[in-house]
Full PDB file with SEQRES, HELIX, SHEET, SSBOND, CRYST1, ORIGX, SCALE, CONECT and MASTER records, all heavy atoms in Angstrom:
SEQRES   1 A   38  ALA GLY TRP PHE ARG GLN ALA PRO GLY ASN GLN ARG GLU          
SEQRES   2 A   38  LEU VAL ALA HIS ILE THR GLY SER GLY ASN THR ASN TYR          
SEQRES   3 A   38  ALA ASP SER VAL LYS GLY ARG PHE THR ILE SER ARG              
SHEET    1 AA1 3 GLY A   2  ARG A   5  0                                        
SHEET    2 AA1 3 GLU A  13  ILE A  18 -1                                        
SHEET    3 AA1 3 THR A  24  TYR A  26 -1                                        
CRYST1    1.000    1.000    1.000  90.00  90.00  90.00 P 1           1          
ORIGX1      1.000000  0.000000  0.000000        0.00000                         
ORIGX2      0.000000  1.000000  0.000000        0.00000                         
ORIGX3      0.000000  0.000000  1.000000        0.00000                         
SCALE1      1.000000  0.000000  0.000000        0.00000                         
SCALE2      0.000000  1.000000  0.000000        0.00000                         
SCALE3      0.000000  0.000000  1.000000        0.00000                         
ATOM      1  N   ALA A   1      89.490  96.433  99.433  1.00  0.00           N  
ATOM      2  CA  ALA A   1      88.479  96.359 100.430  1.00  0.00           C  
ATOM      3  C   ALA A   1      88.623  97.477 101.435  1.00  0.00           C  
ATOM      4  O   ALA A   1      89.727  98.147 101.521  1.00  0.00           O  
ATOM      5  CB  ALA A   1      88.514  95.012 101.183  1.00  0.00           C  
ATOM      6  N   GLY A   2      87.526  97.821 102.105  1.00  0.00           N  
ATOM      7  CA  GLY A   2      87.584  98.895 103.071  1.00  0.00           C  
ATOM      8  C   GLY A   2      86.804  98.622 104.330  1.00  0.00           C  
ATOM      9  O   GLY A   2      85.858  97.765 104.282  1.00  0.00           O  
ATOM     10  N   TRP A   3      87.135  99.295 105.355  1.00  0.00           N  
ATOM     11  CA  TRP A   3      86.385  99.299 106.622  1.00  0.00           C  
ATOM     12  C   TRP A   3      85.669 100.636 106.742  1.00  0.00           C  
ATOM     13  O   TRP A   3      86.284 101.685 106.467  1.00  0.00           O  
ATOM     14  CB  TRP A   3      87.246  99.107 107.790  1.00  0.00           C  
ATOM     15  CG  TRP A   3      87.643  97.666 108.024  1.00  0.00           C  
ATOM     16  CD1 TRP A   3      88.778  97.023 107.642  1.00  0.00           C  
ATOM     17  CD2 TRP A   3      86.851  96.655 108.703  1.00  0.00           C  
ATOM     18  NE1 TRP A   3      88.763  95.733 108.060  1.00  0.00           N  
ATOM     19  CE2 TRP A   3      87.558  95.530 108.717  1.00  0.00           C  
ATOM     20  CE3 TRP A   3      85.602  96.709 109.312  1.00  0.00           C  
ATOM     21  CZ2 TRP A   3      87.050  94.331 109.297  1.00  0.00           C  
ATOM     22  CZ3 TRP A   3      85.098  95.532 109.916  1.00  0.00           C  
ATOM     23  CH2 TRP A   3      85.877  94.373 109.901  1.00  0.00           C  
ATOM     24  N   PHE A   4      84.397 100.601 107.069  1.00  0.00           N  
ATOM     25  CA  PHE A   4      83.563 101.750 107.264  1.00  0.00           C  
ATOM     26  C   PHE A   4      82.974 101.777 108.652  1.00  0.00           C  
ATOM     27  O   PHE A   4      82.914 100.720 109.250  1.00  0.00           O  
ATOM     28  CB  PHE A   4      82.449 101.791 106.211  1.00  0.00           C  
ATOM     29  CG  PHE A   4      82.901 101.697 104.771  1.00  0.00           C  
ATOM     30  CD1 PHE A   4      83.318 100.455 104.197  1.00  0.00           C  
ATOM     31  CD2 PHE A   4      82.874 102.800 103.962  1.00  0.00           C  
ATOM     32  CE1 PHE A   4      83.771 100.364 102.892  1.00  0.00           C  
ATOM     33  CE2 PHE A   4      83.333 102.715 102.591  1.00  0.00           C  
ATOM     34  CZ  PHE A   4      83.706 101.526 102.127  1.00  0.00           C  
ATOM     35  N   ARG A   5      82.456 102.894 109.074  1.00  0.00           N  
ATOM     36  CA  ARG A   5      81.800 102.942 110.304  1.00  0.00           C  
ATOM     37  C   ARG A   5      80.627 103.919 110.265  1.00  0.00           C  
ATOM     38  O   ARG A   5      80.659 104.895 109.487  1.00  0.00           O  
ATOM     39  CB  ARG A   5      82.731 103.306 111.483  1.00  0.00           C  
ATOM     40  CG  ARG A   5      83.296 104.729 111.424  1.00  0.00           C  
ATOM     41  CD  ARG A   5      84.281 104.930 112.572  1.00  0.00           C  
ATOM     42  NE  ARG A   5      84.823 106.222 112.643  1.00  0.00           N  
ATOM     43  CZ  ARG A   5      85.860 106.610 113.414  1.00  0.00           C  
ATOM     44  NH1 ARG A   5      86.411 105.741 114.248  1.00  0.00           N  
ATOM     45  NH2 ARG A   5      86.340 107.855 113.357  1.00  0.00           N  
ATOM     46  N   GLN A   6      79.636 103.645 111.062  1.00  0.00           N  
ATOM     47  CA  GLN A   6      78.495 104.558 111.138  1.00  0.00           C  
ATOM     48  C   GLN A   6      78.114 104.771 112.580  1.00  0.00           C  
ATOM     49  O   GLN A   6      77.671 103.822 113.259  1.00  0.00           O  
ATOM     50  CB  GLN A   6      77.340 103.912 110.352  1.00  0.00           C  
ATOM     51  CG  GLN A   6      76.122 104.838 110.235  1.00  0.00           C  
ATOM     52  CD  GLN A   6      75.094 104.347 109.227  1.00  0.00           C  
ATOM     53  OE1 GLN A   6      75.047 103.152 108.927  1.00  0.00           O  
ATOM     54  NE2 GLN A   6      74.242 105.191 108.764  1.00  0.00           N  
ATOM     55  N   ALA A   7      78.244 105.955 113.034  1.00  0.00           N  
ATOM     56  CA  ALA A   7      77.883 106.340 114.381  1.00  0.00           C  
ATOM     57  C   ALA A   7      76.447 106.784 114.400  1.00  0.00           C  
ATOM     58  O   ALA A   7      75.881 107.177 113.377  1.00  0.00           O  
ATOM     59  CB  ALA A   7      78.816 107.453 114.905  1.00  0.00           C  
ATOM     60  N   PRO A   8      75.809 106.768 115.560  1.00  0.00           N  
ATOM     61  CA  PRO A   8      74.418 107.214 115.598  1.00  0.00           C  
ATOM     62  C   PRO A   8      74.144 108.571 115.065  1.00  0.00           C  
ATOM     63  O   PRO A   8      74.838 109.521 115.385  1.00  0.00           O  
ATOM     64  CB  PRO A   8      74.092 107.180 117.185  1.00  0.00           C  
ATOM     65  CG  PRO A   8      75.031 106.139 117.678  1.00  0.00           C  
ATOM     66  CD  PRO A   8      76.271 106.307 116.872  1.00  0.00           C  
ATOM     67  N   GLY A   9      73.181 108.729 114.180  1.00  0.00           N  
ATOM     68  CA  GLY A   9      72.827 109.995 113.570  1.00  0.00           C  
ATOM     69  C   GLY A   9      73.735 110.391 112.430  1.00  0.00           C  
ATOM     70  O   GLY A   9      73.525 111.484 111.818  1.00  0.00           O  
ATOM     71  N   ASN A  10      74.765 109.644 112.070  1.00  0.00           N  
ATOM     72  CA  ASN A  10      75.670 109.923 110.996  1.00  0.00           C  
ATOM     73  C   ASN A  10      75.569 108.953 109.862  1.00  0.00           C  
ATOM     74  O   ASN A  10      75.065 107.893 109.940  1.00  0.00           O  
ATOM     75  CB  ASN A  10      77.095 109.960 111.569  1.00  0.00           C  
ATOM     76  CG  ASN A  10      77.357 111.016 112.544  1.00  0.00           C  
ATOM     77  OD1 ASN A  10      76.677 112.056 112.593  1.00  0.00           O  
ATOM     78  ND2 ASN A  10      78.315 110.777 113.454  1.00  0.00           N  
ATOM     79  N   GLN A  11      76.103 109.350 108.779  1.00  0.00           N  
ATOM     80  CA  GLN A  11      76.210 108.442 107.611  1.00  0.00           C  
ATOM     81  C   GLN A  11      77.419 107.626 107.685  1.00  0.00           C  
ATOM     82  O   GLN A  11      78.341 107.873 108.441  1.00  0.00           O  
ATOM     83  CB  GLN A  11      76.216 109.275 106.290  1.00  0.00           C  
ATOM     84  CG  GLN A  11      74.887 109.903 105.890  1.00  0.00           C  
ATOM     85  CD  GLN A  11      74.927 110.474 104.507  1.00  0.00           C  
ATOM     86  OE1 GLN A  11      75.780 111.291 104.162  1.00  0.00           O  
ATOM     87  NE2 GLN A  11      73.950 110.102 103.707  1.00  0.00           N  
ATOM     88  N   ARG A  12      77.416 106.558 106.901  1.00  0.00           N  
ATOM     89  CA  ARG A  12      78.566 105.677 106.916  1.00  0.00           C  
ATOM     90  C   ARG A  12      79.810 106.402 106.303  1.00  0.00           C  
ATOM     91  O   ARG A  12      79.681 107.066 105.329  1.00  0.00           O  
ATOM     92  CB  ARG A  12      78.214 104.437 106.080  1.00  0.00           C  
ATOM     93  CG  ARG A  12      79.308 103.287 106.123  1.00  0.00           C  
ATOM     94  CD  ARG A  12      78.793 102.169 105.211  1.00  0.00           C  
ATOM     95  NE  ARG A  12      77.594 101.518 105.735  1.00  0.00           N  
ATOM     96  CZ  ARG A  12      76.403 101.590 105.127  1.00  0.00           C  
ATOM     97  NH1 ARG A  12      76.294 102.300 104.020  1.00  0.00           N  
ATOM     98  NH2 ARG A  12      75.373 100.992 105.604  1.00  0.00           N  
ATOM     99  N   GLU A  13      80.951 106.203 106.952  1.00  0.00           N  
ATOM    100  CA  GLU A  13      82.153 106.852 106.461  1.00  0.00           C  
ATOM    101  C   GLU A  13      83.258 105.857 106.287  1.00  0.00           C  
ATOM    102  O   GLU A  13      83.349 104.880 107.006  1.00  0.00           O  
ATOM    103  CB  GLU A  13      82.589 107.978 107.382  1.00  0.00           C  
ATOM    104  CG  GLU A  13      82.950 107.488 108.798  1.00  0.00           C  
ATOM    105  CD  GLU A  13      83.490 108.604 109.651  1.00  0.00           C  
ATOM    106  OE1 GLU A  13      83.887 109.696 109.132  1.00  0.00           O  
ATOM    107  OE2 GLU A  13      83.543 108.436 110.852  1.00  0.00           O  
ATOM    108  N   LEU A  14      84.144 106.105 105.373  1.00  0.00           N  
ATOM    109  CA  LEU A  14      85.259 105.228 105.165  1.00  0.00           C  
ATOM    110  C   LEU A  14      86.361 105.482 106.213  1.00  0.00           C  
ATOM    111  O   LEU A  14      86.758 106.597 106.437  1.00  0.00           O  
ATOM    112  CB  LEU A  14      85.879 105.480 103.729  1.00  0.00           C  
ATOM    113  CG  LEU A  14      87.124 104.651 103.397  1.00  0.00           C  
ATOM    114  CD1 LEU A  14      86.798 103.171 103.328  1.00  0.00           C  
ATOM    115  CD2 LEU A  14      87.712 105.173 102.082  1.00  0.00           C  
ATOM    116  N   VAL A  15      86.838 104.429 106.803  1.00  0.00           N  
ATOM    117  CA  VAL A  15      87.821 104.531 107.847  1.00  0.00           C  
ATOM    118  C   VAL A  15      89.210 104.075 107.346  1.00  0.00           C  
ATOM    119  O   VAL A  15      90.206 104.745 107.599  1.00  0.00           O  
ATOM    120  CB  VAL A  15      87.440 103.657 109.050  1.00  0.00           C  
ATOM    121  CG1 VAL A  15      88.599 103.637 110.146  1.00  0.00           C  
ATOM    122  CG2 VAL A  15      86.145 104.174 109.690  1.00  0.00           C  
ATOM    123  N   ALA A  16      89.275 102.953 106.640  1.00  0.00           N  
ATOM    124  CA  ALA A  16      90.531 102.447 106.109  1.00  0.00           C  
ATOM    125  C   ALA A  16      90.268 101.682 104.849  1.00  0.00           C  
ATOM    126  O   ALA A  16      89.242 101.121 104.680  1.00  0.00           O  
ATOM    127  CB  ALA A  16      91.232 101.592 107.178  1.00  0.00           C  
ATOM    128  N   HIS A  17      91.308 101.721 104.006  1.00  0.00           N  
ATOM    129  CA  HIS A  17      91.142 101.068 102.706  1.00  0.00           C  
ATOM    130  C   HIS A  17      92.422 100.367 102.303  1.00  0.00           C  
ATOM    131  O   HIS A  17      93.540 100.860 102.585  1.00  0.00           O  
ATOM    132  CB  HIS A  17      90.817 102.018 101.594  1.00  0.00           C  
ATOM    133  CG  HIS A  17      90.613 101.433 100.263  1.00  0.00           C  
ATOM    134  ND1 HIS A  17      91.592 101.452  99.315  1.00  0.00           N  
ATOM    135  CD2 HIS A  17      89.572 100.751  99.714  1.00  0.00           C  
ATOM    136  CE1 HIS A  17      91.150 100.834  98.178  1.00  0.00           C  
ATOM    137  NE2 HIS A  17      89.919 100.384  98.409  1.00  0.00           N  
ATOM    138  N   ILE A  18      92.325  99.234 101.712  1.00  0.00           N  
ATOM    139  CA  ILE A  18      93.509  98.510 101.175  1.00  0.00           C  
ATOM    140  C   ILE A  18      93.191  98.071  99.767  1.00  0.00           C  
ATOM    141  O   ILE A  18      92.101  97.576  99.405  1.00  0.00           O  
ATOM    142  CB  ILE A  18      93.789  97.261 102.046  1.00  0.00           C  
ATOM    143  CG1 ILE A  18      95.059  96.554 101.547  1.00  0.00           C  
ATOM    144  CG2 ILE A  18      92.658  96.265 102.112  1.00  0.00           C  
ATOM    145  CD1 ILE A  18      95.687  95.531 102.511  1.00  0.00           C  
ATOM    146  N   THR A  19      94.094  98.386  98.867  1.00  0.00           N  
ATOM    147  CA  THR A  19      93.920  98.077  97.441  1.00  0.00           C  
ATOM    148  C   THR A  19      94.302  96.566  97.188  1.00  0.00           C  
ATOM    149  O   THR A  19      94.806  95.893  98.013  1.00  0.00           O  
ATOM    150  CB  THR A  19      94.824  98.986  96.575  1.00  0.00           C  
ATOM    151  OG1 THR A  19      96.223  98.611  96.742  1.00  0.00           O  
ATOM    152  CG2 THR A  19      94.621 100.421  96.918  1.00  0.00           C  
ATOM    153  N   GLY A  20      93.950  96.172  95.974  1.00  0.00           N  
ATOM    154  CA  GLY A  20      94.318  94.809  95.568  1.00  0.00           C  
ATOM    155  C   GLY A  20      95.763  94.514  95.604  1.00  0.00           C  
ATOM    156  O   GLY A  20      96.178  93.417  95.803  1.00  0.00           O  
ATOM    157  N   SER A  21      96.593  95.558  95.436  1.00  0.00           N  
ATOM    158  CA  SER A  21      98.025  95.430  95.449  1.00  0.00           C  
ATOM    159  C   SER A  21      98.639  95.597  96.817  1.00  0.00           C  
ATOM    160  O   SER A  21      99.826  95.502  97.014  1.00  0.00           O  
ATOM    161  CB  SER A  21      98.673  96.376  94.475  1.00  0.00           C  
ATOM    162  OG  SER A  21      98.330  97.720  94.777  1.00  0.00           O  
ATOM    163  N   GLY A  22      97.822  95.944  97.836  1.00  0.00           N  
ATOM    164  CA  GLY A  22      98.275  96.057  99.156  1.00  0.00           C  
ATOM    165  C   GLY A  22      98.507  97.423  99.754  1.00  0.00           C  
ATOM    166  O   GLY A  22      98.924  97.618 100.864  1.00  0.00           O  
ATOM    167  N   ASN A  23      98.328  98.436  98.924  1.00  0.00           N  
ATOM    168  CA  ASN A  23      98.469  99.842  99.401  1.00  0.00           C  
ATOM    169  C   ASN A  23      97.308 100.213 100.332  1.00  0.00           C  
ATOM    170  O   ASN A  23      96.189  99.794 100.116  1.00  0.00           O  
ATOM    171  CB  ASN A  23      98.492 100.797  98.230  1.00  0.00           C  
ATOM    172  CG  ASN A  23      99.748 100.591  97.355  1.00  0.00           C  
ATOM    173  OD1 ASN A  23     100.841 100.291  97.834  1.00  0.00           O  
ATOM    174  ND2 ASN A  23      99.552 100.703  96.033  1.00  0.00           N  
ATOM    175  N   THR A  24      97.621 100.982 101.325  1.00  0.00           N  
ATOM    176  CA  THR A  24      96.640 101.318 102.322  1.00  0.00           C  
ATOM    177  C   THR A  24      96.488 102.814 102.500  1.00  0.00           C  
ATOM    178  O   THR A  24      97.429 103.583 102.194  1.00  0.00           O  
ATOM    179  CB  THR A  24      96.950 100.739 103.707  1.00  0.00           C  
ATOM    180  OG1 THR A  24      98.246 101.198 104.102  1.00  0.00           O  
ATOM    181  CG2 THR A  24      97.012  99.247 103.589  1.00  0.00           C  
ATOM    182  N   ASN A  25      95.309 103.302 102.943  1.00  0.00           N  
ATOM    183  CA  ASN A  25      95.122 104.649 103.256  1.00  0.00           C  
ATOM    184  C   ASN A  25      94.078 104.726 104.408  1.00  0.00           C  
ATOM    185  O   ASN A  25      93.289 103.786 104.499  1.00  0.00           O  
ATOM    186  CB  ASN A  25      94.779 105.498 102.112  1.00  0.00           C  
ATOM    187  CG  ASN A  25      93.467 105.121 101.446  1.00  0.00           C  
ATOM    188  OD1 ASN A  25      93.417 104.235 100.687  1.00  0.00           O  
ATOM    189  ND2 ASN A  25      92.366 105.826 101.880  1.00  0.00           N  
ATOM    190  N   TYR A  26      94.102 105.813 105.182  1.00  0.00           N  
ATOM    191  CA  TYR A  26      93.273 105.928 106.356  1.00  0.00           C  
ATOM    192  C   TYR A  26      92.656 107.315 106.410  1.00  0.00           C  
ATOM    193  O   TYR A  26      93.228 108.288 105.976  1.00  0.00           O  
ATOM    194  CB  TYR A  26      94.063 105.677 107.626  1.00  0.00           C  
ATOM    195  CG  TYR A  26      94.763 104.314 107.620  1.00  0.00           C  
ATOM    196  CD1 TYR A  26      96.053 104.165 107.056  1.00  0.00           C  
ATOM    197  CD2 TYR A  26      94.151 103.183 108.158  1.00  0.00           C  
ATOM    198  CE1 TYR A  26      96.670 102.898 107.111  1.00  0.00           C  
ATOM    199  CE2 TYR A  26      94.775 101.955 108.167  1.00  0.00           C  
ATOM    200  CZ  TYR A  26      95.982 101.833 107.617  1.00  0.00           C  
ATOM    201  OH  TYR A  26      96.608 100.605 107.576  1.00  0.00           O  
ATOM    202  N   ALA A  27      91.546 107.345 107.079  1.00  0.00           N  
ATOM    203  CA  ALA A  27      90.918 108.639 107.454  1.00  0.00           C  
ATOM    204  C   ALA A  27      91.814 109.328 108.431  1.00  0.00           C  
ATOM    205  O   ALA A  27      92.460 108.689 109.314  1.00  0.00           O  
ATOM    206  CB  ALA A  27      89.568 108.420 108.045  1.00  0.00           C  
ATOM    207  N   ASP A  28      91.867 110.640 108.408  1.00  0.00           N  
ATOM    208  CA  ASP A  28      92.740 111.388 109.246  1.00  0.00           C  
ATOM    209  C   ASP A  28      92.455 111.117 110.754  1.00  0.00           C  
ATOM    210  O   ASP A  28      93.332 111.142 111.559  1.00  0.00           O  
ATOM    211  CB  ASP A  28      92.598 112.914 109.013  1.00  0.00           C  
ATOM    212  CG  ASP A  28      93.217 113.351 107.689  1.00  0.00           C  
ATOM    213  OD1 ASP A  28      94.031 112.603 107.175  1.00  0.00           O  
ATOM    214  OD2 ASP A  28      92.784 114.386 107.217  1.00  0.00           O  
ATOM    215  N   SER A  29      91.189 110.840 111.064  1.00  0.00           N  
ATOM    216  CA  SER A  29      90.789 110.643 112.463  1.00  0.00           C  
ATOM    217  C   SER A  29      91.354 109.362 113.042  1.00  0.00           C  
ATOM    218  O   SER A  29      91.390 109.182 114.288  1.00  0.00           O  
ATOM    219  CB  SER A  29      89.251 110.618 112.566  1.00  0.00           C  
ATOM    220  OG  SER A  29      88.696 109.561 111.745  1.00  0.00           O  
ATOM    221  N   VAL A  30      91.782 108.415 112.211  1.00  0.00           N  
ATOM    222  CA  VAL A  30      92.285 107.122 112.766  1.00  0.00           C  
ATOM    223  C   VAL A  30      93.725 106.869 112.316  1.00  0.00           C  
ATOM    224  O   VAL A  30      94.338 105.861 112.766  1.00  0.00           O  
ATOM    225  CB  VAL A  30      91.404 105.974 112.250  1.00  0.00           C  
ATOM    226  CG1 VAL A  30      89.955 106.197 112.591  1.00  0.00           C  
ATOM    227  CG2 VAL A  30      91.548 105.707 110.776  1.00  0.00           C  
ATOM    228  N   LYS A  31      94.297 107.681 111.508  1.00  0.00           N  
ATOM    229  CA  LYS A  31      95.647 107.436 111.037  1.00  0.00           C  
ATOM    230  C   LYS A  31      96.620 107.402 112.202  1.00  0.00           C  
ATOM    231  O   LYS A  31      96.604 108.235 113.115  1.00  0.00           O  
ATOM    232  CB  LYS A  31      96.075 108.605 110.104  1.00  0.00           C  
ATOM    233  CG  LYS A  31      97.390 108.339 109.371  1.00  0.00           C  
ATOM    234  CD  LYS A  31      97.683 109.397 108.316  1.00  0.00           C  
ATOM    235  CE  LYS A  31      98.897 109.085 107.532  1.00  0.00           C  
ATOM    236  NZ  LYS A  31      99.178 110.089 106.486  1.00  0.00           N  
ATOM    237  N   GLY A  32      97.460 106.358 112.209  1.00  0.00           N  
ATOM    238  CA  GLY A  32      98.416 106.183 113.292  1.00  0.00           C  
ATOM    239  C   GLY A  32      97.930 105.281 114.388  1.00  0.00           C  
ATOM    240  O   GLY A  32      98.707 104.817 115.205  1.00  0.00           O  
ATOM    241  N   ARG A  33      96.627 105.033 114.466  1.00  0.00           N  
ATOM    242  CA  ARG A  33      95.979 104.208 115.455  1.00  0.00           C  
ATOM    243  C   ARG A  33      95.413 102.977 114.887  1.00  0.00           C  
ATOM    244  O   ARG A  33      95.418 101.882 115.562  1.00  0.00           O  
ATOM    245  CB  ARG A  33      94.864 104.977 116.183  1.00  0.00           C  
ATOM    246  CG  ARG A  33      95.345 106.251 116.887  1.00  0.00           C  
ATOM    247  CD  ARG A  33      94.249 106.879 117.681  1.00  0.00           C  
ATOM    248  NE  ARG A  33      93.136 107.274 116.900  1.00  0.00           N  
ATOM    249  CZ  ARG A  33      91.864 106.811 117.009  1.00  0.00           C  
ATOM    250  NH1 ARG A  33      91.628 105.846 117.946  1.00  0.00           N  
ATOM    251  NH2 ARG A  33      90.890 107.274 116.251  1.00  0.00           N  
ATOM    252  N   PHE A  34      94.902 102.960 113.624  1.00  0.00           N  
ATOM    253  CA  PHE A  34      94.276 101.824 113.032  1.00  0.00           C  
ATOM    254  C   PHE A  34      95.162 101.234 111.967  1.00  0.00           C  
ATOM    255  O   PHE A  34      95.881 102.024 111.249  1.00  0.00           O  
ATOM    256  CB  PHE A  34      92.912 102.210 112.376  1.00  0.00           C  
ATOM    257  CG  PHE A  34      91.802 102.506 113.381  1.00  0.00           C  
ATOM    258  CD1 PHE A  34      92.106 102.654 114.751  1.00  0.00           C  
ATOM    259  CD2 PHE A  34      90.503 102.644 112.974  1.00  0.00           C  
ATOM    260  CE1 PHE A  34      91.053 102.956 115.651  1.00  0.00           C  
ATOM    261  CE2 PHE A  34      89.499 102.960 113.836  1.00  0.00           C  
ATOM    262  CZ  PHE A  34      89.787 103.109 115.235  1.00  0.00           C  
ATOM    263  N   THR A  35      95.083  99.970 111.706  1.00  0.00           N  
ATOM    264  CA  THR A  35      95.804  99.301 110.683  1.00  0.00           C  
ATOM    265  C   THR A  35      94.925  98.271 109.950  1.00  0.00           C  
ATOM    266  O   THR A  35      94.373  97.396 110.603  1.00  0.00           O  
ATOM    267  CB  THR A  35      97.086  98.594 111.214  1.00  0.00           C  
ATOM    268  OG1 THR A  35      97.907  99.529 111.912  1.00  0.00           O  
ATOM    269  CG2 THR A  35      97.859  97.977 110.044  1.00  0.00           C  
ATOM    270  N   ILE A  36      94.818  98.444 108.660  1.00  0.00           N  
ATOM    271  CA  ILE A  36      94.097  97.480 107.860  1.00  0.00           C  
ATOM    272  C   ILE A  36      95.057  96.452 107.200  1.00  0.00           C  
ATOM    273  O   ILE A  36      96.124  96.883 106.794  1.00  0.00           O  
ATOM    274  CB  ILE A  36      93.199  98.171 106.791  1.00  0.00           C  
ATOM    275  CG1 ILE A  36      92.317  97.165 106.073  1.00  0.00           C  
ATOM    276  CG2 ILE A  36      94.093  98.926 105.770  1.00  0.00           C  
ATOM    277  CD1 ILE A  36      91.256  97.800 105.109  1.00  0.00           C  
ATOM    278  N   SER A  37      94.652  95.205 107.219  1.00  0.00           N  
ATOM    279  CA  SER A  37      95.470  94.166 106.617  1.00  0.00           C  
ATOM    280  C   SER A  37      94.579  93.073 106.109  1.00  0.00           C  
ATOM    281  O   SER A  37      93.376  93.089 106.244  1.00  0.00           O  
ATOM    282  CB  SER A  37      96.519  93.609 107.665  1.00  0.00           C  
ATOM    283  OG  SER A  37      95.814  93.011 108.719  1.00  0.00           O  
ATOM    284  N   ARG A  38      95.216  92.116 105.394  1.00  0.00           N  
ATOM    285  CA  ARG A  38      94.445  91.021 104.838  1.00  0.00           C  
ATOM    286  C   ARG A  38      95.269  89.728 104.843  1.00  0.00           C  
ATOM    287  O   ARG A  38      96.483  89.741 104.863  1.00  0.00           O  
ATOM    288  CB  ARG A  38      93.983  91.332 103.386  1.00  0.00           C  
ATOM    289  CG  ARG A  38      95.165  91.384 102.435  1.00  0.00           C  
ATOM    290  CD  ARG A  38      94.741  91.783 101.053  1.00  0.00           C  
ATOM    291  NE  ARG A  38      95.881  91.862 100.133  1.00  0.00           N  
ATOM    292  CZ  ARG A  38      95.933  92.540  99.044  1.00  0.00           C  
ATOM    293  NH1 ARG A  38      94.901  93.346  98.674  1.00  0.00           N  
ATOM    294  NH2 ARG A  38      97.023  92.584  98.238  1.00  0.00           N  
TER     295      ARG A  38                                                      
MASTER        0    0    0    0    3    0    0    6  294    1    0    3          
END                                                                             
């Protein structure tokens, strides 16, 4: 699953993702500040 965001005037972008096995990755703009979990 993933979290996306859409700011005014912009397209939707991927912010954070977690795989079915629990691996995570983040957009550079939020890395170190955001955490995805389930």
